[in-house]
Amino acid sequence: MKSFAVDITTRQFSKKGEDICGDAVKVSHTADSTIIVLSDGLGSGVKANVLATMTVELASGLFQGELSLLEIVETLIATLPVCKWRNIAYSTFSIARIYDTGHVTVAEYDSPSLLHLRDGVRPAALASTERTILDRTIRESYFRLKPNDAIMLYSDGIVYAGVGEGLAMGWQEDGILDYVAQTAPGLSSDPTRIADSVAETALGFWHNRPGDDGTVLCARYRKAEHATVLTGPPGDRALVARMLRDFLAKKGRKVVCGGTTSHLLADHLGRELVPDERYIDTDLPPIARLEGVDLVTEGILTLSRATEYLSRGRPEGRTDAATALLDQLASADGITFMIGTARNPAHQNTGLPDSIFLRRTVVENLAKQLDAQGKETELRYY
């Protein structure tokens, strides 16, 4: 499981009279990094969006190979079209690759300078080195983030906010830097609040009639949150103590799904399972409380319903064991499922599928849904 995670928030607005923003953002992942690409297409509206989208998709795809950042930049510049009349690129871009170690590599082409935000330190544009690639000037930067540091990328629509509306030259990068320096400490490096604040201020300078597309992206590097779900007793009773010790040794949130499993853990801890009447539902068994565990639920039915809620949508206002389970998993970046392989006697001679395969299938389906939401999952069998 990864030890660190990156929270990303993007806010965009379109030029007045346009339905589509001419900027594009793409976030992708490799085994050891998070890649952010922001592109500003020439002009505005659909045409600009197509150009920007082509840029971010191409860049993100190239990262899946073994190319270095500079090789990717060279490929982009060689591939992207150039306006023959004005001799300028049809799209500009900023690329930031954040490694799990906190190291960051940045390449910027004709775009505003990325900001580095750290609590207690005045935000600053990156110290960069200029490099010429295929007659184009590229800025490259290398630095390292500490936990809870953030970076902010933004497009020209933020820089020139207010042009023609009271600001002769627009907000400008120095003005944005001063604003973030004054407001970011109060926002506690929260990427959502920082992006919201900058975008709303830019729109205010435009009097909500923006003369250009605008994008703000804020990404915070932080320690990852983990959760562990224990379900089903082990196939060999001799493994019970080991499985429970492994579960209790895990850091982060702890959830138990299964009646037999929860009783085994309660006996191991010498503590009492207490019914919790806050989650009483006609379809699902209620939850219970056990000191040292964040949530205790029934097993297969609850896991199946949680999977259904993820795939079809959670019913508004619904409160049951499955929603309680999803609430526990929502803030986790990495989730470990510890799956016992014992047969459930209650499923014998009932026409139900073999409990071993049923439990495994249900948990694997839930893990796939969580993977699709950007979670990192691990399945361990006992």
Protein backbone atom coordinates (compact mmCIF):
# COMPACT_ATOMS: atom_id res chain seq x y z
CA MET A 1 0.00 0.00 0.00
CA LYS A 2 1.18 3.52 -0.77
CA SER A 3 2.22 5.65 2.19
CA PHE A 4 1.26 8.96 0.58
CA ALA A 5 -1.62 10.27 -1.54
CA VAL A 6 -2.43 13.34 -3.62
CA ASP A 7 -5.75 15.21 -3.29
CA ILE A 8 -6.63 17.18 -6.42
CA THR A 9 -9.32 19.80 -6.97
CA THR A 10 -9.97 21.54 -10.30
CA ARG A 11 -12.18 24.58 -10.87
CA GLN A 12 -12.95 25.92 -14.36
CA PHE A 13 -15.07 28.57 -16.02
CA SER A 14 -15.81 29.27 -19.68
CA LYS A 15 -15.45 32.49 -21.60
CA LYS A 16 -18.68 34.46 -21.73
CA GLY A 17 -20.86 33.20 -24.57
CA GLU A 18 -19.20 29.78 -24.62
CA ASP A 19 -20.62 26.57 -23.18
CA ILE A 20 -17.32 24.67 -23.08
CA CYS A 21 -14.07 25.65 -21.40
CA GLY A 22 -11.12 25.85 -23.77
CA ASP A 23 -8.76 24.48 -21.12
CA ALA A 24 -8.39 20.78 -20.32
CA VAL A 25 -7.01 18.83 -17.38
CA LYS A 26 -5.98 15.19 -17.18
CA VAL A 27 -4.88 13.36 -14.04
CA SER A 28 -3.37 9.91 -14.43
CA HIS A 29 -1.33 7.51 -12.34
CA THR A 30 1.62 5.19 -12.70
CA ALA A 31 2.82 2.66 -10.15
CA ASP A 32 4.87 5.28 -8.33
CA SER A 33 3.49 8.69 -9.30
CA THR A 34 0.56 10.99 -9.99
CA ILE A 35 0.68 12.95 -13.25
CA ILE A 36 -1.15 16.24 -13.78
CA VAL A 37 -1.43 17.87 -17.20
CA LEU A 38 -3.12 21.25 -17.74
CA SER A 39 -3.45 22.60 -21.28
CA ASP A 40 -4.83 25.89 -22.60
CA GLY A 41 -6.13 25.64 -26.16
CA LEU A 42 -5.72 28.62 -28.49
CA GLY A 43 -8.88 30.70 -28.56
CA SER A 44 -11.95 29.55 -26.68
CA GLY A 45 -14.92 27.23 -26.87
CA VAL A 46 -15.12 23.90 -28.66
CA LYS A 47 -12.08 24.36 -30.91
CA ALA A 48 -9.83 25.35 -28.02
CA ASN A 49 -11.16 22.48 -25.92
CA VAL A 50 -10.41 19.96 -28.68
CA LEU A 51 -6.83 21.20 -28.94
CA ALA A 52 -6.33 21.22 -25.17
CA THR A 53 -7.90 17.79 -24.75
CA MET A 54 -5.69 16.36 -27.48
CA THR A 55 -2.66 17.74 -25.63
CA VAL A 56 -3.50 16.33 -22.20
CA GLU A 57 -4.53 12.95 -23.58
CA LEU A 58 -1.33 12.62 -25.61
CA ALA A 59 0.87 13.66 -22.70
CA SER A 60 -0.85 11.31 -20.26
CA GLY A 61 -0.59 8.42 -22.68
CA LEU A 62 3.13 8.97 -23.20
CA PHE A 63 3.74 8.65 -19.46
CA GLN A 64 2.56 5.06 -19.58
CA GLY A 65 5.72 4.19 -21.51
CA GLU A 66 9.33 4.49 -20.41
CA LEU A 67 9.94 8.00 -21.75
CA SER A 68 11.50 10.69 -19.59
CA LEU A 69 9.67 13.97 -18.98
CA LEU A 70 11.87 15.83 -21.48
CA GLU A 71 11.32 13.12 -24.11
CA ILE A 72 7.58 13.49 -23.58
CA VAL A 73 7.80 17.27 -23.92
CA GLU A 74 9.81 16.92 -27.13
CA THR A 75 7.21 14.52 -28.53
CA LEU A 76 4.42 16.94 -27.64
CA ILE A 77 6.10 19.91 -29.29
CA ALA A 78 6.89 17.87 -32.40
CA THR A 79 3.33 16.58 -32.62
CA LEU A 80 1.11 19.51 -31.70
CA PRO A 81 0.09 21.89 -34.51
CA VAL A 82 1.38 25.45 -34.78
CA CYS A 83 -0.52 28.46 -36.13
CA LYS A 84 1.22 29.29 -39.44
CA TRP A 85 0.23 32.96 -39.38
CA ARG A 86 1.21 33.77 -35.78
CA ASN A 87 3.87 31.07 -35.32
CA ILE A 88 2.46 30.12 -31.93
CA ALA A 89 1.34 26.76 -30.64
CA TYR A 90 -2.34 25.90 -30.78
CA SER A 91 -2.06 24.78 -27.17
CA THR A 92 0.21 25.40 -24.19
CA PHE A 93 0.73 23.09 -21.26
CA SER A 94 1.96 22.56 -17.71
CA ILE A 95 2.97 19.07 -16.59
CA ALA A 96 3.65 18.08 -12.98
CA ARG A 97 4.67 14.58 -11.97
CA ILE A 98 4.40 13.95 -8.23
CA TYR A 99 6.22 10.83 -7.08
CA ASP A 100 5.10 8.91 -4.02
CA THR A 101 8.37 10.00 -2.37
CA GLY A 102 7.31 13.66 -2.68
CA HIS A 103 9.76 14.44 -5.49
CA VAL A 104 8.18 16.55 -8.24
CA THR A 105 9.27 17.18 -11.82
CA VAL A 106 7.65 20.01 -13.76
CA ALA A 107 7.70 21.10 -17.40
CA GLU A 108 5.91 24.27 -18.53
CA TYR A 109 5.44 25.56 -22.04
CA ASP A 110 4.21 29.14 -22.46
CA SER A 111 2.04 28.85 -19.34
CA PRO A 112 1.92 30.54 -15.91
CA SER A 113 4.42 29.37 -13.32
CA LEU A 114 3.27 26.67 -10.93
CA LEU A 115 3.06 27.75 -7.27
CA HIS A 116 4.45 25.76 -4.33
CA LEU A 117 2.40 26.15 -1.14
CA ARG A 118 3.72 25.25 2.31
CA ASP A 119 2.29 26.19 5.71
CA GLY A 120 4.30 28.94 7.35
CA VAL A 121 6.22 29.77 4.18
CA ARG A 122 5.28 32.44 1.66
CA PRO A 123 4.09 30.76 -1.58
CA ALA A 124 6.54 31.09 -4.42
CA ALA A 125 6.74 30.47 -8.12
CA LEU A 126 9.16 27.68 -8.86
CA ALA A 127 12.80 28.37 -9.55
CA SER A 128 13.10 26.95 -13.03
CA THR A 129 15.67 26.31 -15.73
CA GLU A 130 14.92 27.24 -19.32
CA ARG A 131 15.66 24.73 -22.03
CA THR A 132 15.17 25.03 -25.80
CA ILE A 133 13.48 22.06 -27.42
CA LEU A 134 12.71 22.22 -31.16
CA ASP A 135 13.03 26.02 -31.07
CA ARG A 136 10.53 26.29 -28.20
CA THR A 137 11.42 27.49 -24.70
CA ILE A 138 10.51 25.08 -21.93
CA ARG A 139 10.79 25.74 -18.20
CA GLU A 140 11.74 22.73 -16.11
CA SER A 141 11.77 22.46 -12.32
CA TYR A 142 12.63 19.85 -9.71
CA PHE A 143 11.73 20.04 -6.02
CA ARG A 144 10.34 17.97 -3.16
CA LEU A 145 7.06 18.22 -1.30
CA LYS A 146 6.65 17.69 2.41
CA PRO A 147 3.42 16.14 3.76
CA ASN A 148 0.54 18.66 3.47
CA ASP A 149 2.41 20.80 0.93
CA ALA A 150 0.38 21.75 -2.13
CA ILE A 151 0.98 22.95 -5.67
CA MET A 152 -1.27 25.19 -7.75
CA LEU A 153 -1.48 25.28 -11.55
CA TYR A 154 -3.59 27.79 -13.43
CA SER A 155 -4.24 29.07 -16.94
CA ASP A 156 -4.05 32.49 -18.62
CA GLY A 157 -7.71 33.16 -17.87
CA ILE A 158 -6.74 33.53 -14.22
CA VAL A 159 -3.66 35.66 -14.98
CA TYR A 160 -5.61 38.13 -17.14
CA ALA A 161 -8.76 38.17 -15.04
CA GLY A 162 -10.25 41.65 -15.01
CA VAL A 163 -8.76 42.94 -18.28
CA GLY A 164 -11.28 45.42 -19.64
CA GLU A 165 -13.18 45.30 -16.36
CA GLY A 166 -11.09 47.66 -14.24
CA LEU A 167 -7.69 45.95 -14.27
CA ALA A 168 -5.59 47.26 -17.16
CA MET A 169 -3.19 44.30 -17.19
CA GLY A 170 -5.37 41.80 -15.39
CA TRP A 171 -4.67 40.05 -12.10
CA GLN A 172 -1.14 39.03 -13.18
CA GLU A 173 1.03 36.33 -11.63
CA ASP A 174 2.42 38.61 -8.90
CA GLY A 175 -1.12 39.55 -7.89
CA ILE A 176 -2.15 35.91 -7.74
CA LEU A 177 0.94 35.10 -5.67
CA ASP A 178 0.14 37.89 -3.20
CA TYR A 179 -3.48 36.76 -2.94
CA VAL A 180 -2.57 33.14 -2.26
CA ALA A 181 0.06 34.24 0.28
CA GLN A 182 -2.62 36.15 2.18
CA THR A 183 -5.39 33.55 1.99
CA ALA A 184 -3.75 30.09 1.85
CA PRO A 185 -2.75 29.97 5.56
CA GLY A 186 -6.38 30.50 6.50
CA LEU A 187 -7.42 27.73 4.12
CA SER A 188 -5.02 25.24 5.74
CA SER A 189 -3.73 24.01 2.37
CA ASP A 190 -7.16 22.53 1.63
CA PRO A 191 -7.02 22.05 -2.17
CA THR A 192 -10.77 22.48 -2.61
CA ARG A 193 -10.95 25.74 -0.68
CA ILE A 194 -7.85 27.18 -2.35
CA ALA A 195 -9.09 26.34 -5.87
CA ASP A 196 -12.57 27.68 -5.06
CA SER A 197 -11.19 30.90 -3.62
CA VAL A 198 -8.86 31.65 -6.54
CA ALA A 199 -11.46 30.81 -9.20
CA GLU A 200 -14.18 32.86 -7.49
CA THR A 201 -11.86 35.84 -7.10
CA ALA A 202 -10.88 35.67 -10.78
CA LEU A 203 -14.55 35.55 -11.78
CA GLY A 204 -15.16 38.54 -9.54
CA PHE A 205 -12.52 40.54 -11.40
CA TRP A 206 -14.35 39.61 -14.61
CA HIS A 207 -17.68 40.66 -13.00
CA ASN A 208 -18.85 37.14 -13.84
CA ARG A 209 -18.44 37.89 -17.56
CA PRO A 210 -15.05 36.24 -18.17
CA GLY A 211 -13.14 37.34 -21.23
CA ASP A 212 -11.23 34.07 -21.34
CA ASP A 213 -11.48 30.48 -20.16
CA GLY A 214 -10.01 29.92 -16.72
CA THR A 215 -8.71 26.91 -14.81
CA VAL A 216 -7.28 26.50 -11.32
CA LEU A 217 -5.93 23.17 -10.09
CA CYS A 218 -4.67 22.60 -6.58
CA ALA A 219 -3.03 19.34 -5.49
CA ARG A 220 -2.08 18.48 -1.90
CA TYR A 221 0.47 15.81 -0.99
CA ARG A 222 -0.41 14.03 2.27
CA LYS A 223 -0.04 10.83 4.23
CA ALA A 224 -2.37 8.14 2.91
CA GLU A 225 -5.33 6.88 4.94
CA HIS A 226 -5.90 3.15 5.22
CA ALA A 227 -8.75 0.84 6.18
CA THR A 228 -8.93 -2.91 6.76
CA VAL A 229 -12.03 -5.07 6.33
CA LEU A 230 -12.08 -8.49 7.99
CA THR A 231 -14.72 -10.92 6.75
CA GLY A 232 -15.16 -14.64 7.35
CA PRO A 233 -13.25 -17.04 9.61
CA PRO A 234 -10.15 -18.76 8.24
CA GLY A 235 -10.34 -22.11 6.52
CA ASP A 236 -8.11 -23.65 9.19
CA ARG A 237 -9.13 -22.95 12.79
CA ALA A 238 -5.45 -22.99 13.71
CA LEU A 239 -5.13 -19.71 11.79
CA VAL A 240 -7.77 -17.82 13.80
CA ALA A 241 -5.35 -16.21 16.25
CA ARG A 242 -2.90 -15.27 13.49
CA MET A 243 -5.64 -13.71 11.32
CA LEU A 244 -6.97 -11.67 14.25
CA ARG A 245 -3.48 -10.50 15.24
CA ASP A 246 -2.80 -9.45 11.64
CA PHE A 247 -6.07 -7.51 11.61
CA LEU A 248 -5.45 -5.74 14.92
CA ALA A 249 -1.91 -4.82 13.85
CA LYS A 250 -3.19 -2.89 10.85
CA LYS A 251 -3.12 0.91 11.01
CA GLY A 252 -6.14 3.03 10.16
CA ARG A 253 -9.84 2.21 10.25
CA LYS A 254 -10.94 -1.31 11.11
CA VAL A 255 -14.18 -2.93 9.95
CA VAL A 256 -15.51 -6.44 10.60
CA CYS A 257 -18.17 -7.90 8.28
CA GLY A 258 -19.65 -11.17 9.49
CA GLY A 259 -21.37 -12.56 12.57
CA THR A 260 -18.99 -15.46 13.20
CA THR A 261 -15.97 -13.28 12.51
CA SER A 262 -17.09 -10.55 14.91
CA HIS A 263 -17.71 -13.07 17.70
CA LEU A 264 -14.25 -14.57 17.17
CA LEU A 265 -12.70 -11.11 17.48
CA ALA A 266 -14.79 -10.21 20.54
CA ASP A 267 -13.69 -13.42 22.27
CA HIS A 268 -10.07 -12.77 21.31
CA LEU A 269 -10.26 -9.27 22.81
CA GLY A 270 -12.33 -10.32 25.81
CA ARG A 271 -14.87 -7.62 24.98
CA GLU A 272 -18.61 -7.56 24.44
CA LEU A 273 -20.44 -7.05 21.15
CA VAL A 274 -23.16 -4.43 21.68
CA PRO A 275 -26.09 -4.05 19.22
CA ASP A 276 -26.28 -0.56 17.70
CA GLU A 277 -29.84 0.59 17.08
CA ARG A 278 -28.80 3.60 14.99
CA TYR A 279 -28.75 1.43 11.87
CA ILE A 280 -31.93 -0.61 11.88
CA ASP A 281 -33.13 -1.55 8.40
CA THR A 282 -35.78 -3.97 7.19
CA ASP A 283 -33.49 -5.37 4.47
CA LEU A 284 -30.13 -5.65 6.20
CA PRO A 285 -29.13 -6.89 9.64
CA PRO A 286 -28.19 -4.07 12.05
CA ILE A 287 -24.65 -3.16 13.01
CA ALA A 288 -22.91 -3.67 16.34
CA ARG A 289 -20.26 -1.93 18.41
CA LEU A 290 -17.01 -3.48 19.58
CA GLU A 291 -14.36 -1.50 21.42
CA GLY A 292 -11.27 -1.12 19.24
CA VAL A 293 -13.17 -1.59 15.97
CA ASP A 294 -14.74 1.23 13.95
CA LEU A 295 -17.65 -0.80 12.54
CA VAL A 296 -19.14 -4.29 12.88
CA THR A 297 -21.73 -5.53 10.36
CA GLU A 298 -23.19 -8.74 8.99
CA GLY A 299 -21.17 -10.24 6.15
CA ILE A 300 -22.23 -11.18 2.63
CA LEU A 301 -25.55 -9.33 2.47
CA THR A 302 -24.00 -6.07 3.65
CA LEU A 303 -20.97 -6.39 1.36
CA SER A 304 -23.26 -7.14 -1.60
CA ARG A 305 -25.47 -4.14 -0.87
CA ALA A 306 -22.43 -1.85 -0.56
CA THR A 307 -21.27 -3.04 -3.99
CA GLU A 308 -24.73 -2.33 -5.40
CA TYR A 309 -24.72 1.19 -3.96
CA LEU A 310 -21.34 1.89 -5.55
CA SER A 311 -22.41 0.65 -8.98
CA ARG A 312 -25.99 1.99 -9.11
CA GLY A 313 -25.81 4.93 -6.77
CA ARG A 314 -26.51 5.31 -3.09
CA PRO A 315 -30.19 6.00 -2.33
CA GLU A 316 -30.64 9.53 -1.04
CA GLY A 317 -31.27 9.62 2.68
CA ARG A 318 -30.62 5.91 3.07
CA THR A 319 -29.05 4.80 6.36
CA ASP A 320 -28.18 1.14 6.82
CA ALA A 321 -25.23 -1.16 7.45
CA ALA A 322 -24.06 -0.86 3.83
CA THR A 323 -24.01 2.95 3.91
CA ALA A 324 -22.16 2.78 7.24
CA LEU A 325 -19.57 0.52 5.60
CA LEU A 326 -19.14 2.89 2.65
CA ASP A 327 -18.78 5.83 5.03
CA GLN A 328 -15.87 4.04 6.71
CA LEU A 329 -14.18 3.34 3.37
CA ALA A 330 -14.82 6.76 1.80
CA SER A 331 -11.82 8.51 3.34
CA ALA A 332 -9.43 5.59 2.85
CA ASP A 333 -6.87 5.69 0.04
CA GLY A 334 -5.84 2.07 0.54
CA ILE A 335 -8.16 -0.75 1.64
CA THR A 336 -7.07 -4.25 2.66
CA PHE A 337 -9.66 -7.04 2.63
CA MET A 338 -8.78 -9.97 4.88
CA ILE A 339 -10.96 -12.84 3.67
CA GLY A 340 -11.50 -16.05 5.58
CA THR A 341 -12.05 -19.20 3.51
CA ALA A 342 -14.10 -21.28 5.97
CA ARG A 343 -17.43 -22.64 4.78
CA ASN A 344 -20.52 -21.17 6.42
CA PRO A 345 -22.71 -24.00 7.79
CA ALA A 346 -25.76 -21.76 7.39
CA HIS A 347 -25.37 -22.00 3.60
CA GLN A 348 -25.33 -25.79 3.45
CA ASN A 349 -28.43 -27.50 2.04
CA THR A 350 -30.05 -24.13 1.29
CA GLY A 351 -29.47 -23.99 -2.45
CA LEU A 352 -27.13 -21.00 -1.99
CA PRO A 353 -23.73 -21.00 -3.73
CA ASP A 354 -20.81 -22.40 -1.76
CA SER A 355 -20.04 -19.74 0.86
CA ILE A 356 -16.31 -19.73 0.07
CA PHE A 357 -16.85 -18.74 -3.55
CA LEU A 358 -19.78 -16.47 -2.71
CA ARG A 359 -17.78 -14.45 -0.17
CA ARG A 360 -14.77 -14.26 -2.47
CA THR A 361 -16.90 -13.14 -5.44
CA VAL A 362 -18.71 -10.49 -3.40
CA VAL A 363 -15.50 -9.04 -1.97
CA GLU A 364 -13.72 -9.09 -5.33
CA ASN A 365 -16.65 -7.23 -6.93
CA LEU A 366 -16.60 -4.63 -4.16
CA ALA A 367 -12.83 -4.21 -4.57
CA LYS A 368 -13.26 -3.64 -8.32
CA GLN A 369 -15.81 -0.90 -7.65
CA LEU A 370 -13.45 0.75 -5.18
CA ASP A 371 -10.53 0.47 -7.63
CA ALA A 372 -12.66 2.28 -10.21
CA GLN A 373 -13.03 5.15 -7.73
CA GLY A 374 -9.27 5.51 -7.42
CA LYS A 375 -8.81 3.45 -4.27
CA GLU A 376 -5.92 1.02 -3.90
CA THR A 377 -7.15 -2.39 -2.76
CA GLU A 378 -5.42 -5.53 -1.54
CA LEU A 379 -7.03 -8.96 -1.00
CA ARG A 380 -5.53 -11.40 1.49
CA TYR A 381 -6.97 -14.88 2.05
CA TYR A 382 -6.79 -17.02 5.20
